[in-house]
Amino acid sequence: MANIKFIHEDKEVVAAEGTNLREKALENGIDVYTLKGKLTNCGGDGQCGTCIVEVVEGMENLSERTEPEKQKFKKKPDSYRLSCQTLVNGSVSVITKPQARN
């Protein structure tokens, strides 16, 4: 089992190992999209780049970056991930919508 802590929402959820981060967030009422992302998201296919989270703890407990992530985040911090492309394999803490907070 893995604990996922959503920092700004002050919410922690329990997930099975291998759980998709975006799906688990949405399932628990955590909004991973900015307003623009709500209108233009690709539904979790890794194409739009709107479900960005920043990993602040537990990066080692996540799947490796996928090719879509490598393309989208060439000029972004290593801690940025697309939640739709990220599988959780252990405890992690994330910040949703970091691009909107900068």
C-alpha atoms as a PDB file:
ATOM      1  CA  MET A   1       0.000   0.000   0.000  1.00  0.00           C
ATOM      2  CA  ALA A   2       1.038   3.600  -0.633  1.00  0.00           C
ATOM      3  CA  ASN A   3       0.057   6.856   1.022  1.00  0.00           C
ATOM      4  CA  ILE A   4      -0.390   9.812  -1.308  1.00  0.00           C
ATOM      5  CA  LYS A   5      -0.359  13.195   0.393  1.00  0.00           C
ATOM      6  CA  PHE A   6      -1.816  16.141  -1.522  1.00  0.00           C
ATOM      7  CA  ILE A   7      -0.173  19.054   0.250  1.00  0.00           C
ATOM      8  CA  HIS A   8      -2.301  22.079  -0.694  1.00  0.00           C
ATOM      9  CA  GLU A   9      -5.526  20.117  -0.251  1.00  0.00           C
ATOM     10  CA  ASP A  10      -4.325  18.799   3.129  1.00  0.00           C
ATOM     11  CA  LYS A  11      -5.577  15.350   2.180  1.00  0.00           C
ATOM     12  CA  GLU A  12      -3.937  11.949   2.352  1.00  0.00           C
ATOM     13  CA  VAL A  13      -5.256   8.882   0.556  1.00  0.00           C
ATOM     14  CA  VAL A  14      -4.231   5.246   0.553  1.00  0.00           C
ATOM     15  CA  ALA A  15      -3.607   3.512  -2.757  1.00  0.00           C
ATOM     16  CA  ALA A  16      -2.566   0.092  -3.952  1.00  0.00           C
ATOM     17  CA  GLU A  17       0.930  -0.076  -5.416  1.00  0.00           C
ATOM     18  CA  GLY A  18       0.888   0.609  -9.143  1.00  0.00           C
ATOM     19  CA  THR A  19      -2.053   3.021  -8.887  1.00  0.00           C
ATOM     20  CA  ASN A  20      -2.254   5.822 -11.446  1.00  0.00           C
ATOM     21  CA  LEU A  21      -1.789   9.145  -9.644  1.00  0.00           C
ATOM     22  CA  ARG A  22      -4.297  11.112 -11.751  1.00  0.00           C
ATOM     23  CA  GLU A  23      -7.028   8.506 -11.396  1.00  0.00           C
ATOM     24  CA  LYS A  24      -6.538   8.264  -7.629  1.00  0.00           C
ATOM     25  CA  ALA A  25      -6.598  12.052  -7.253  1.00  0.00           C
ATOM     26  CA  LEU A  26      -9.804  12.473  -9.244  1.00  0.00           C
ATOM     27  CA  GLU A  27     -11.397   9.502  -7.470  1.00  0.00           C
ATOM     28  CA  ASN A  28     -10.811  11.326  -4.172  1.00  0.00           C
ATOM     29  CA  GLY A  29     -12.019  14.762  -5.244  1.00  0.00           C
ATOM     30  CA  ILE A  30      -8.552  16.225  -5.826  1.00  0.00           C
ATOM     31  CA  ASP A  31      -8.511  18.605  -8.784  1.00  0.00           C
ATOM     32  CA  VAL A  32      -5.297  18.263 -10.798  1.00  0.00           C
ATOM     33  CA  TYR A  33      -6.327  20.741 -13.509  1.00  0.00           C
ATOM     34  CA  THR A  34      -6.161  24.520 -13.800  1.00  0.00           C
ATOM     35  CA  LEU A  35      -9.148  26.182 -15.457  1.00  0.00           C
ATOM     36  CA  LYS A  36      -7.482  25.933 -18.869  1.00  0.00           C
ATOM     37  CA  GLY A  37      -6.682  22.279 -18.187  1.00  0.00           C
ATOM     38  CA  LYS A  38     -10.293  21.514 -17.368  1.00  0.00           C
ATOM     39  CA  LEU A  39     -11.255  22.744 -20.820  1.00  0.00           C
ATOM     40  CA  THR A  40      -8.410  21.234 -22.819  1.00  0.00           C
ATOM     41  CA  ASN A  41      -7.262  18.044 -21.062  1.00  0.00           C
ATOM     42  CA  CYS A  42      -6.754  14.859 -23.051  1.00  0.00           C
ATOM     43  CA  GLY A  43      -8.409  12.576 -20.518  1.00  0.00           C
ATOM     44  CA  GLY A  44      -5.222  10.993 -19.249  1.00  0.00           C
ATOM     45  CA  ASP A  45      -3.364  10.091 -22.431  1.00  0.00           C
ATOM     46  CA  GLY A  46      -0.252  12.151 -21.666  1.00  0.00           C
ATOM     47  CA  GLN A  47      -0.725  14.409 -24.679  1.00  0.00           C
ATOM     48  CA  CYS A  48      -1.874  17.750 -23.273  1.00  0.00           C
ATOM     49  CA  GLY A  49       0.415  18.282 -20.266  1.00  0.00           C
ATOM     50  CA  THR A  50      -2.296  19.826 -18.076  1.00  0.00           C
ATOM     51  CA  CYS A  51      -2.327  17.423 -15.103  1.00  0.00           C
ATOM     52  CA  ILE A  52       1.044  18.527 -13.731  1.00  0.00           C
ATOM     53  CA  VAL A  53       2.022  17.786 -10.146  1.00  0.00           C
ATOM     54  CA  GLU A  54       5.231  18.600  -8.321  1.00  0.00           C
ATOM     55  CA  VAL A  55       6.678  15.777  -6.253  1.00  0.00           C
ATOM     56  CA  VAL A  56       8.117  17.092  -2.994  1.00  0.00           C
ATOM     57  CA  GLU A  57       8.744  13.751  -1.313  1.00  0.00           C
ATOM     58  CA  GLY A  58       8.956  10.137  -2.455  1.00  0.00           C
ATOM     59  CA  MET A  59      10.185  10.544  -6.032  1.00  0.00           C
ATOM     60  CA  GLU A  60      11.871   7.153  -5.682  1.00  0.00           C
ATOM     61  CA  ASN A  61       8.425   5.589  -5.160  1.00  0.00           C
ATOM     62  CA  LEU A  62       7.135   6.606  -8.581  1.00  0.00           C
ATOM     63  CA  SER A  63       7.427   5.052 -12.012  1.00  0.00           C
ATOM     64  CA  GLU A  64      10.088   6.434 -14.354  1.00  0.00           C
ATOM     65  CA  ARG A  65       9.219   9.417 -16.527  1.00  0.00           C
ATOM     66  CA  THR A  66       7.495   8.389 -19.740  1.00  0.00           C
ATOM     67  CA  GLU A  67       8.404   9.677 -23.204  1.00  0.00           C
ATOM     68  CA  PRO A  68       5.515  12.199 -23.189  1.00  0.00           C
ATOM     69  CA  GLU A  69       6.819  13.545 -19.863  1.00  0.00           C
ATOM     70  CA  LYS A  70      10.377  13.780 -21.155  1.00  0.00           C
ATOM     71  CA  GLN A  71       9.108  15.837 -24.102  1.00  0.00           C
ATOM     72  CA  LYS A  72       6.819  18.110 -22.058  1.00  0.00           C
ATOM     73  CA  PHE A  73       9.296  18.783 -19.252  1.00  0.00           C
ATOM     74  CA  LYS A  74      12.550  19.495 -21.075  1.00  0.00           C
ATOM     75  CA  LYS A  75      12.766  22.904 -19.374  1.00  0.00           C
ATOM     76  CA  LYS A  76      10.929  22.082 -16.133  1.00  0.00           C
ATOM     77  CA  PRO A  77      12.245  20.794 -12.800  1.00  0.00           C
ATOM     78  CA  ASP A  78      12.845  17.043 -12.440  1.00  0.00           C
ATOM     79  CA  SER A  79      10.198  17.054  -9.713  1.00  0.00           C
ATOM     80  CA  TYR A  80       7.413  17.842 -12.222  1.00  0.00           C
ATOM     81  CA  ARG A  81       5.337  14.894 -13.397  1.00  0.00           C
ATOM     82  CA  LEU A  82       2.197  14.341 -15.438  1.00  0.00           C
ATOM     83  CA  SER A  83      -0.144  12.697 -12.965  1.00  0.00           C
ATOM     84  CA  CYS A  84      -1.757  10.664 -15.776  1.00  0.00           C
ATOM     85  CA  GLN A  85       1.593   9.060 -16.595  1.00  0.00           C
ATOM     86  CA  THR A  86       2.714   8.437 -13.021  1.00  0.00           C
ATOM     87  CA  LEU A  87       2.294   5.153 -11.165  1.00  0.00           C
ATOM     88  CA  VAL A  88       2.615   5.218  -7.386  1.00  0.00           C
ATOM     89  CA  ASN A  89       4.630   2.383  -5.794  1.00  0.00           C
ATOM     90  CA  GLY A  90       5.083   3.812  -2.291  1.00  0.00           C
ATOM     91  CA  SER A  91       4.430   6.876  -0.175  1.00  0.00           C
ATOM     92  CA  VAL A  92       4.632  10.236  -1.913  1.00  0.00           C
ATOM     93  CA  SER A  93       3.756  13.895  -1.294  1.00  0.00           C
ATOM     94  CA  VAL A  94       2.715  16.110  -4.206  1.00  0.00           C
ATOM     95  CA  ILE A  95       1.652  19.664  -4.974  1.00  0.00           C
ATOM     96  CA  THR A  96      -1.156  19.889  -7.519  1.00  0.00           C
ATOM     97  CA  LYS A  97      -1.171  22.588 -10.211  1.00  0.00           C
ATOM     98  CA  PRO A  98       2.344  23.908  -9.447  1.00  0.00           C
ATOM     99  CA  GLN A  99       2.423  25.835 -12.732  1.00  0.00           C
ATOM    100  CA  ALA A 100      -0.493  27.956 -11.470  1.00  0.00           C
ATOM    101  CA  ARG A 101       1.301  28.784  -8.216  1.00  0.00           C
ATOM    102  CA  ASN A 102       4.526  30.141  -9.734  1.00  0.00           C
END
